Amino acid sequence: MRQNFKRAKVLVIDDSSDHWMLIKKAMQHCLPDVTLVYVSSVQQTIELLQEWDTQEWELPQLILQDLYLPTREAGWQLLTHIKGMSTSISRIPLIMFSSSDDHLDIEEAYHAGVSSYLIKPIDYTDWVAYFNELRAYWWETVTLPPVQFSIY
């Protein structure tokens, strides 16, 4: 389990600074050993991932992506872009989260390759409960592969 926390990093993609503040506070409470990296736009995300693609030691173990960035179409385009990037990036588990509980959004997200889909909690207490579950599963239950570096 401790190995999973070694250099653990989560990339959070959300265009709402209010949601980011709730997410950050809840994650710091539940996952204090994890480094959080926040981006608020599609372009910022693409630039960061392209930079990390040449610096694989910087890659996150998990990506949390909002569906509406700020539009639904922008969220789908970003997801498609991420899944089309190099293997080192496209294989990072991606959790899509949204206020949308539309079954078509959920089905499309899984079809597009997300690892999980989360309907955004409303308040801080619910975010804490969610991140405690995330910690239990992604950091305390599964065995994550070690970061591997490729030679170009």
N, C-alpha and C. Protein backbone atom coordinates (compact mmCIF):
# COMPACT_ATOMS: atom_id res chain seq x y z
N MET A 1 0.82 -1.20 0.00
CA MET A 1 0.00 0.00 0.00
C MET A 1 0.86 1.26 0.00
N ARG A 2 1.86 1.33 0.83
CA ARG A 2 2.69 2.53 0.88
C ARG A 2 3.36 2.79 -0.47
N GLN A 3 3.65 1.72 -1.22
CA GLN A 3 4.26 1.88 -2.53
C GLN A 3 3.35 2.70 -3.45
N ASN A 4 2.03 2.53 -3.31
CA ASN A 4 1.10 3.29 -4.14
C ASN A 4 1.20 4.79 -3.89
N PHE A 5 1.58 5.17 -2.67
CA PHE A 5 1.68 6.59 -2.34
C PHE A 5 3.02 7.20 -2.76
N LYS A 6 3.97 6.37 -3.13
CA LYS A 6 5.28 6.88 -3.53
C LYS A 6 5.12 7.72 -4.79
N ARG A 7 5.41 8.99 -4.66
CA ARG A 7 5.32 9.94 -5.78
C ARG A 7 3.92 10.01 -6.37
N ALA A 8 2.89 9.76 -5.57
CA ALA A 8 1.51 9.75 -6.07
C ALA A 8 1.07 11.16 -6.45
N LYS A 9 0.41 11.23 -7.60
CA LYS A 9 -0.04 12.51 -8.12
C LYS A 9 -1.40 12.30 -8.80
N VAL A 10 -2.29 13.27 -8.61
CA VAL A 10 -3.60 13.26 -9.26
C VAL A 10 -3.75 14.56 -10.04
N LEU A 11 -4.13 14.45 -11.30
CA LEU A 11 -4.43 15.61 -12.13
C LEU A 11 -5.93 15.84 -12.06
N VAL A 12 -6.34 17.04 -11.65
CA VAL A 12 -7.75 17.40 -11.56
C VAL A 12 -8.03 18.45 -12.63
N ILE A 13 -9.02 18.16 -13.50
CA ILE A 13 -9.38 19.05 -14.59
C ILE A 13 -10.82 19.49 -14.36
N ASP A 14 -10.99 20.77 -14.01
CA ASP A 14 -12.33 21.30 -13.74
C ASP A 14 -12.29 22.80 -13.98
N ASP A 15 -13.23 23.33 -14.74
CA ASP A 15 -13.23 24.75 -15.03
C ASP A 15 -13.89 25.59 -13.94
N SER A 16 -14.43 24.95 -12.90
CA SER A 16 -15.08 25.68 -11.81
C SER A 16 -14.13 25.80 -10.63
N SER A 17 -13.75 27.04 -10.32
CA SER A 17 -12.85 27.24 -9.17
C SER A 17 -13.55 26.89 -7.86
N ASP A 18 -14.88 27.05 -7.80
CA ASP A 18 -15.61 26.67 -6.59
C ASP A 18 -15.55 25.16 -6.36
N HIS A 19 -15.75 24.39 -7.44
CA HIS A 19 -15.64 22.93 -7.31
C HIS A 19 -14.22 22.54 -6.95
N TRP A 20 -13.23 23.20 -7.55
CA TRP A 20 -11.84 22.90 -7.25
C TRP A 20 -11.55 23.10 -5.77
N MET A 21 -12.07 24.17 -5.17
CA MET A 21 -11.80 24.41 -3.75
C MET A 21 -12.39 23.29 -2.89
N LEU A 22 -13.58 22.81 -3.21
CA LEU A 22 -14.18 21.68 -2.47
C LEU A 22 -13.35 20.41 -2.68
N ILE A 23 -12.99 20.15 -3.94
CA ILE A 23 -12.21 18.95 -4.27
C ILE A 23 -10.86 18.99 -3.55
N LYS A 24 -10.18 20.11 -3.63
CA LYS A 24 -8.85 20.25 -3.02
C LYS A 24 -8.92 20.03 -1.51
N LYS A 25 -9.86 20.67 -0.87
CA LYS A 25 -9.99 20.54 0.59
C LYS A 25 -10.29 19.09 0.98
N ALA A 26 -11.23 18.47 0.27
CA ALA A 26 -11.60 17.08 0.59
C ALA A 26 -10.45 16.12 0.30
N MET A 27 -9.76 16.32 -0.82
CA MET A 27 -8.64 15.42 -1.15
C MET A 27 -7.48 15.58 -0.18
N GLN A 28 -7.19 16.81 0.22
CA GLN A 28 -6.12 17.02 1.18
C GLN A 28 -6.46 16.37 2.52
N HIS A 29 -7.73 16.35 2.86
CA HIS A 29 -8.17 15.69 4.09
C HIS A 29 -8.02 14.17 4.00
N CYS A 30 -8.42 13.61 2.86
CA CYS A 30 -8.46 12.15 2.70
C CYS A 30 -7.18 11.55 2.14
N LEU A 31 -6.46 12.32 1.35
CA LEU A 31 -5.25 11.82 0.67
C LEU A 31 -4.09 12.80 0.86
N PRO A 32 -3.67 13.02 2.10
CA PRO A 32 -2.63 14.02 2.33
C PRO A 32 -1.28 13.68 1.69
N ASP A 33 -1.05 12.41 1.35
CA ASP A 33 0.21 12.00 0.73
C ASP A 33 0.24 12.18 -0.77
N VAL A 34 -0.88 12.59 -1.36
CA VAL A 34 -0.99 12.70 -2.81
C VAL A 34 -0.81 14.15 -3.24
N THR A 35 0.01 14.34 -4.26
CA THR A 35 0.21 15.66 -4.83
C THR A 35 -0.92 15.95 -5.81
N LEU A 36 -1.58 17.09 -5.64
CA LEU A 36 -2.67 17.49 -6.53
C LEU A 36 -2.16 18.51 -7.54
N VAL A 37 -2.54 18.31 -8.78
CA VAL A 37 -2.23 19.27 -9.84
C VAL A 37 -3.56 19.66 -10.46
N TYR A 38 -3.82 20.96 -10.51
CA TYR A 38 -5.10 21.46 -11.00
C TYR A 38 -4.92 22.24 -12.29
N VAL A 39 -5.78 21.95 -13.25
CA VAL A 39 -5.86 22.73 -14.48
C VAL A 39 -7.33 23.05 -14.72
N SER A 40 -7.58 24.20 -15.35
CA SER A 40 -8.96 24.65 -15.49
C SER A 40 -9.43 24.77 -16.93
N SER A 41 -8.58 24.42 -17.89
CA SER A 41 -9.00 24.54 -19.28
C SER A 41 -8.48 23.37 -20.11
N VAL A 42 -9.11 23.17 -21.24
CA VAL A 42 -8.70 22.11 -22.16
C VAL A 42 -7.29 22.37 -22.65
N GLN A 43 -7.01 23.59 -23.07
CA GLN A 43 -5.68 23.91 -23.61
C GLN A 43 -4.59 23.72 -22.56
N GLN A 44 -4.85 24.17 -21.36
CA GLN A 44 -3.89 24.01 -20.26
C GLN A 44 -3.62 22.52 -20.01
N THR A 45 -4.65 21.71 -20.07
CA THR A 45 -4.51 20.27 -19.86
C THR A 45 -3.64 19.64 -20.94
N ILE A 46 -3.94 19.97 -22.19
CA ILE A 46 -3.18 19.40 -23.31
C ILE A 46 -1.71 19.79 -23.23
N GLU A 47 -1.44 21.05 -22.94
CA GLU A 47 -0.05 21.51 -22.83
C GLU A 47 0.68 20.78 -21.71
N LEU A 48 0.03 20.63 -20.56
CA LEU A 48 0.66 19.94 -19.43
C LEU A 48 0.93 18.48 -19.74
N LEU A 49 -0.04 17.80 -20.33
CA LEU A 49 0.15 16.38 -20.66
C LEU A 49 1.22 16.19 -21.73
N GLN A 50 1.31 17.10 -22.69
CA GLN A 50 2.37 17.01 -23.69
C GLN A 50 3.74 17.20 -23.05
N GLU A 51 3.83 18.10 -22.10
CA GLU A 51 5.09 18.30 -21.37
C GLU A 51 5.44 17.05 -20.57
N TRP A 52 4.46 16.50 -19.88
CA TRP A 52 4.70 15.30 -19.06
C TRP A 52 5.01 14.09 -19.92
N ASP A 53 4.55 14.08 -21.16
CA ASP A 53 4.81 12.94 -22.04
C ASP A 53 6.30 12.77 -22.28
N THR A 54 7.06 13.84 -22.19
CA THR A 54 8.52 13.75 -22.34
C THR A 54 9.22 13.71 -20.99
N GLN A 55 8.46 13.79 -19.93
CA GLN A 55 8.99 13.72 -18.57
C GLN A 55 8.11 12.74 -17.78
N GLU A 56 8.23 11.48 -18.12
CA GLU A 56 7.30 10.47 -17.61
C GLU A 56 7.27 10.37 -16.09
N TRP A 57 8.32 10.77 -15.43
CA TRP A 57 8.34 10.74 -13.97
C TRP A 57 7.33 11.73 -13.39
N GLU A 58 6.83 12.65 -14.21
CA GLU A 58 5.84 13.64 -13.77
C GLU A 58 4.40 13.15 -13.93
N LEU A 59 4.19 12.03 -14.61
CA LEU A 59 2.84 11.56 -14.90
C LEU A 59 2.04 11.28 -13.64
N PRO A 60 0.75 11.63 -13.65
CA PRO A 60 -0.10 11.32 -12.49
C PRO A 60 -0.51 9.85 -12.51
N GLN A 61 -0.91 9.35 -11.36
CA GLN A 61 -1.42 7.99 -11.27
C GLN A 61 -2.91 7.95 -11.60
N LEU A 62 -3.56 9.12 -11.57
CA LEU A 62 -5.00 9.19 -11.78
C LEU A 62 -5.35 10.57 -12.33
N ILE A 63 -6.35 10.60 -13.23
CA ILE A 63 -6.87 11.86 -13.76
C ILE A 63 -8.35 11.94 -13.40
N LEU A 64 -8.75 13.08 -12.83
CA LEU A 64 -10.15 13.37 -12.57
C LEU A 64 -10.55 14.48 -13.54
N GLN A 65 -11.50 14.20 -14.42
CA GLN A 65 -11.89 15.18 -15.44
C GLN A 65 -13.37 15.48 -15.37
N ASP A 66 -13.69 16.76 -15.29
CA ASP A 66 -15.07 17.20 -15.38
C ASP A 66 -15.54 17.04 -16.83
N LEU A 67 -16.80 16.72 -17.03
CA LEU A 67 -17.33 16.56 -18.38
C LEU A 67 -17.56 17.92 -19.04
N TYR A 68 -18.04 18.89 -18.30
CA TYR A 68 -18.34 20.21 -18.86
C TYR A 68 -17.16 21.14 -18.65
N LEU A 69 -16.44 21.47 -19.73
CA LEU A 69 -15.20 22.26 -19.64
C LEU A 69 -15.20 23.47 -20.58
N PRO A 70 -15.98 24.39 -20.64
CA PRO A 70 -17.23 24.54 -19.90
C PRO A 70 -18.41 23.84 -20.57
N THR A 71 -18.22 23.42 -21.82
CA THR A 71 -19.31 22.73 -22.52
C THR A 71 -19.07 21.22 -22.49
N ARG A 72 -20.13 20.49 -22.71
CA ARG A 72 -20.06 19.04 -22.79
C ARG A 72 -19.16 18.63 -23.95
N GLU A 73 -19.29 19.31 -25.07
CA GLU A 73 -18.48 18.99 -26.26
C GLU A 73 -16.99 19.14 -25.98
N ALA A 74 -16.63 20.18 -25.23
CA ALA A 74 -15.21 20.38 -24.89
C ALA A 74 -14.70 19.24 -24.01
N GLY A 75 -15.53 18.76 -23.10
CA GLY A 75 -15.13 17.64 -22.25
C GLY A 75 -14.92 16.37 -23.06
N TRP A 76 -15.83 16.09 -23.99
CA TRP A 76 -15.67 14.89 -24.84
C TRP A 76 -14.44 15.02 -25.72
N GLN A 77 -14.20 16.21 -26.27
CA GLN A 77 -13.02 16.41 -27.12
C GLN A 77 -11.74 16.19 -26.32
N LEU A 78 -11.69 16.69 -25.09
CA LEU A 78 -10.50 16.49 -24.27
C LEU A 78 -10.31 15.01 -23.96
N LEU A 79 -11.37 14.32 -23.59
CA LEU A 79 -11.26 12.90 -23.30
C LEU A 79 -10.73 12.14 -24.52
N THR A 80 -11.27 12.44 -25.69
CA THR A 80 -10.81 11.80 -26.93
C THR A 80 -9.34 12.11 -27.18
N HIS A 81 -8.95 13.35 -26.92
CA HIS A 81 -7.54 13.73 -27.11
C HIS A 81 -6.63 12.95 -26.16
N ILE A 82 -7.01 12.87 -24.90
CA ILE A 82 -6.20 12.15 -23.91
C ILE A 82 -6.08 10.68 -24.31
N LYS A 83 -7.18 10.07 -24.69
CA LYS A 83 -7.16 8.65 -25.05
C LYS A 83 -6.39 8.40 -26.35
N GLY A 84 -6.17 9.45 -27.14
CA GLY A 84 -5.39 9.33 -28.37
C GLY A 84 -3.92 9.67 -28.20
N MET A 85 -3.51 10.05 -27.01
CA MET A 85 -2.11 10.40 -26.76
C MET A 85 -1.27 9.13 -26.62
N SER A 86 -0.01 9.30 -26.33
CA SER A 86 0.90 8.17 -26.18
C SER A 86 0.36 7.19 -25.14
N THR A 87 0.83 5.97 -25.21
CA THR A 87 0.38 4.92 -24.31
C THR A 87 0.60 5.29 -22.85
N SER A 88 1.72 5.95 -22.56
CA SER A 88 2.00 6.29 -21.16
C SER A 88 0.94 7.23 -20.59
N ILE A 89 0.31 8.04 -21.43
CA ILE A 89 -0.74 8.94 -20.96
C ILE A 89 -2.12 8.31 -21.12
N SER A 90 -2.38 7.69 -22.25
CA SER A 90 -3.72 7.17 -22.51
C SER A 90 -4.11 6.05 -21.55
N ARG A 91 -3.14 5.39 -20.93
CA ARG A 91 -3.44 4.31 -19.99
C ARG A 91 -3.62 4.76 -18.55
N ILE A 92 -3.42 6.04 -18.28
CA ILE A 92 -3.65 6.54 -16.92
C ILE A 92 -5.14 6.43 -16.63
N PRO A 93 -5.51 5.81 -15.51
CA PRO A 93 -6.94 5.72 -15.19
C PRO A 93 -7.57 7.11 -15.13
N LEU A 94 -8.70 7.27 -15.80
CA LEU A 94 -9.38 8.55 -15.86
C LEU A 94 -10.79 8.39 -15.30
N ILE A 95 -11.09 9.21 -14.30
CA ILE A 95 -12.41 9.24 -13.71
C ILE A 95 -13.11 10.49 -14.22
N MET A 96 -14.22 10.30 -14.92
CA MET A 96 -15.03 11.42 -15.40
C MET A 96 -16.01 11.76 -14.29
N PHE A 97 -16.13 13.07 -13.99
CA PHE A 97 -17.13 13.45 -13.02
C PHE A 97 -17.91 14.64 -13.56
N SER A 98 -19.20 14.65 -13.21
CA SER A 98 -20.09 15.65 -13.77
C SER A 98 -21.33 15.77 -12.91
N SER A 99 -22.01 16.88 -13.04
CA SER A 99 -23.30 17.02 -12.39
C SER A 99 -24.38 16.28 -13.17
N SER A 100 -24.04 15.84 -14.38
CA SER A 100 -24.99 15.13 -15.23
C SER A 100 -25.18 13.68 -14.76
N ASP A 101 -26.43 13.30 -14.55
CA ASP A 101 -26.74 11.90 -14.26
C ASP A 101 -27.46 11.25 -15.45
N ASP A 102 -27.36 11.89 -16.61
CA ASP A 102 -27.98 11.38 -17.84
C ASP A 102 -27.33 10.05 -18.22
N HIS A 103 -28.15 9.01 -18.37
CA HIS A 103 -27.60 7.68 -18.66
C HIS A 103 -26.82 7.66 -19.98
N LEU A 104 -27.16 8.54 -20.92
CA LEU A 104 -26.40 8.60 -22.18
C LEU A 104 -24.99 9.14 -21.95
N ASP A 105 -24.85 10.14 -21.09
CA ASP A 105 -23.51 10.65 -20.74
C ASP A 105 -22.68 9.55 -20.10
N ILE A 106 -23.30 8.81 -19.19
CA ILE A 106 -22.60 7.76 -18.47
C ILE A 106 -22.17 6.65 -19.43
N GLU A 107 -23.08 6.22 -20.28
CA GLU A 107 -22.74 5.18 -21.25
C GLU A 107 -21.65 5.65 -22.22
N GLU A 108 -21.77 6.88 -22.70
CA GLU A 108 -20.77 7.40 -23.64
C GLU A 108 -19.40 7.51 -22.98
N ALA A 109 -19.37 7.89 -21.72
CA ALA A 109 -18.10 8.01 -21.00
C ALA A 109 -17.39 6.66 -20.92
N TYR A 110 -18.13 5.63 -20.54
CA TYR A 110 -17.51 4.30 -20.46
C TYR A 110 -17.11 3.80 -21.85
N HIS A 111 -17.92 4.06 -22.83
CA HIS A 111 -17.59 3.66 -24.20
C HIS A 111 -16.31 4.36 -24.68
N ALA A 112 -16.10 5.60 -24.21
CA ALA A 112 -14.91 6.36 -24.61
C ALA A 112 -13.66 5.97 -23.82
N GLY A 113 -13.81 5.10 -22.81
CA GLY A 113 -12.64 4.58 -22.12
C GLY A 113 -12.37 5.08 -20.72
N VAL A 114 -13.35 5.74 -20.09
CA VAL A 114 -13.10 6.16 -18.71
C VAL A 114 -13.07 4.94 -17.79
N SER A 115 -12.35 5.07 -16.69
CA SER A 115 -12.29 3.99 -15.70
C SER A 115 -13.50 4.00 -14.79
N SER A 116 -14.03 5.20 -14.53
CA SER A 116 -15.20 5.36 -13.69
C SER A 116 -15.90 6.65 -14.05
N TYR A 117 -17.18 6.72 -13.70
CA TYR A 117 -17.98 7.93 -13.89
C TYR A 117 -18.59 8.26 -12.55
N LEU A 118 -18.45 9.51 -12.12
CA LEU A 118 -18.96 9.96 -10.83
C LEU A 118 -19.90 11.14 -11.04
N ILE A 119 -21.07 11.05 -10.43
CA ILE A 119 -21.96 12.21 -10.39
C ILE A 119 -21.46 13.07 -9.24
N LYS A 120 -21.14 14.32 -9.55
CA LYS A 120 -20.52 15.21 -8.56
C LYS A 120 -21.35 15.33 -7.29
N PRO A 121 -20.70 15.14 -6.16
CA PRO A 121 -21.39 15.38 -4.89
C PRO A 121 -21.77 16.86 -4.77
N ILE A 122 -22.72 17.14 -3.89
CA ILE A 122 -23.21 18.50 -3.73
C ILE A 122 -22.44 19.26 -2.66
N ASP A 123 -22.09 18.60 -1.57
CA ASP A 123 -21.45 19.34 -0.48
C ASP A 123 -20.13 18.68 -0.05
N TYR A 124 -19.44 19.36 0.82
CA TYR A 124 -18.12 18.94 1.26
C TYR A 124 -18.14 17.55 1.90
N THR A 125 -19.13 17.27 2.72
CA THR A 125 -19.22 15.97 3.39
C THR A 125 -19.28 14.84 2.37
N ASP A 126 -20.06 15.04 1.32
CA ASP A 126 -20.16 14.02 0.27
C ASP A 126 -18.85 13.86 -0.50
N TRP A 127 -18.14 14.98 -0.73
CA TRP A 127 -16.83 14.89 -1.38
C TRP A 127 -15.85 14.09 -0.52
N VAL A 128 -15.86 14.33 0.78
CA VAL A 128 -14.98 13.58 1.69
C VAL A 128 -15.30 12.09 1.63
N ALA A 129 -16.57 11.75 1.65
CA ALA A 129 -16.96 10.33 1.57
C ALA A 129 -16.46 9.74 0.24
N TYR A 130 -16.61 10.48 -0.84
CA TYR A 130 -16.14 10.00 -2.14
C TYR A 130 -14.63 9.78 -2.12
N PHE A 131 -13.86 10.73 -1.63
CA PHE A 131 -12.41 10.59 -1.66
C PHE A 131 -11.90 9.54 -0.67
N ASN A 132 -12.65 9.29 0.40
CA ASN A 132 -12.29 8.16 1.27
C ASN A 132 -12.45 6.84 0.51
N GLU A 133 -13.51 6.72 -0.28
CA GLU A 133 -13.69 5.53 -1.13
C GLU A 133 -12.59 5.44 -2.18
N LEU A 134 -12.26 6.56 -2.78
CA LEU A 134 -11.20 6.61 -3.78
C LEU A 134 -9.88 6.15 -3.17
N ARG A 135 -9.59 6.64 -1.98
CA ARG A 135 -8.36 6.24 -1.29
C ARG A 135 -8.37 4.73 -1.03
N ALA A 136 -9.48 4.24 -0.51
CA ALA A 136 -9.57 2.82 -0.18
C ALA A 136 -9.35 1.96 -1.43
N TYR A 137 -9.89 2.37 -2.55
CA TYR A 137 -9.76 1.55 -3.74
C TYR A 137 -8.44 1.77 -4.46
N TRP A 138 -8.16 3.01 -4.90
CA TRP A 138 -7.00 3.26 -5.76
C TRP A 138 -5.67 3.22 -5.02
N TRP A 139 -5.68 3.52 -3.73
CA TRP A 139 -4.39 3.56 -3.03
C TRP A 139 -4.21 2.46 -2.00
N GLU A 140 -5.28 1.86 -1.50
CA GLU A 140 -5.13 0.85 -0.46
C GLU A 140 -5.52 -0.55 -0.91
N THR A 141 -6.20 -0.69 -2.04
CA THR A 141 -6.66 -2.00 -2.49
C THR A 141 -5.89 -2.48 -3.71
N VAL A 142 -5.92 -1.72 -4.79
CA VAL A 142 -5.26 -2.15 -6.02
C VAL A 142 -3.75 -2.00 -5.90
N THR A 143 -3.06 -2.73 -6.73
CA THR A 143 -1.61 -2.57 -6.84
C THR A 143 -1.34 -1.80 -8.11
N LEU A 144 -0.77 -0.64 -7.96
CA LEU A 144 -0.47 0.20 -9.11
C LEU A 144 0.90 -0.18 -9.67
N PRO A 145 1.04 -0.12 -10.99
CA PRO A 145 2.35 -0.44 -11.56
C PRO A 145 3.35 0.65 -11.22
N PRO A 146 4.64 0.30 -11.15
CA PRO A 146 5.64 1.33 -10.89
C PRO A 146 5.76 2.24 -12.11
N VAL A 147 6.20 3.46 -11.86
CA VAL A 147 6.46 4.38 -12.96
C VAL A 147 7.60 3.82 -13.78
N GLN A 148 7.39 3.74 -15.07
CA GLN A 148 8.42 3.21 -15.96
C GLN A 148 8.84 4.30 -16.93
N PHE A 149 10.08 4.32 -17.24
CA PHE A 149 10.61 5.30 -18.16
C PHE A 149 10.98 4.62 -19.45
N SER A 150 10.63 5.26 -20.54
CA SER A 150 11.01 4.68 -21.84
C SER A 150 12.16 5.47 -22.42
N ILE A 151 12.92 4.82 -23.22
CA ILE A 151 14.04 5.49 -23.87
C ILE A 151 13.59 5.77 -25.31
N TYR A 152 13.66 7.02 -25.68
CA TYR A 152 13.23 7.43 -27.02
C TYR A 152 14.35 7.34 -28.00
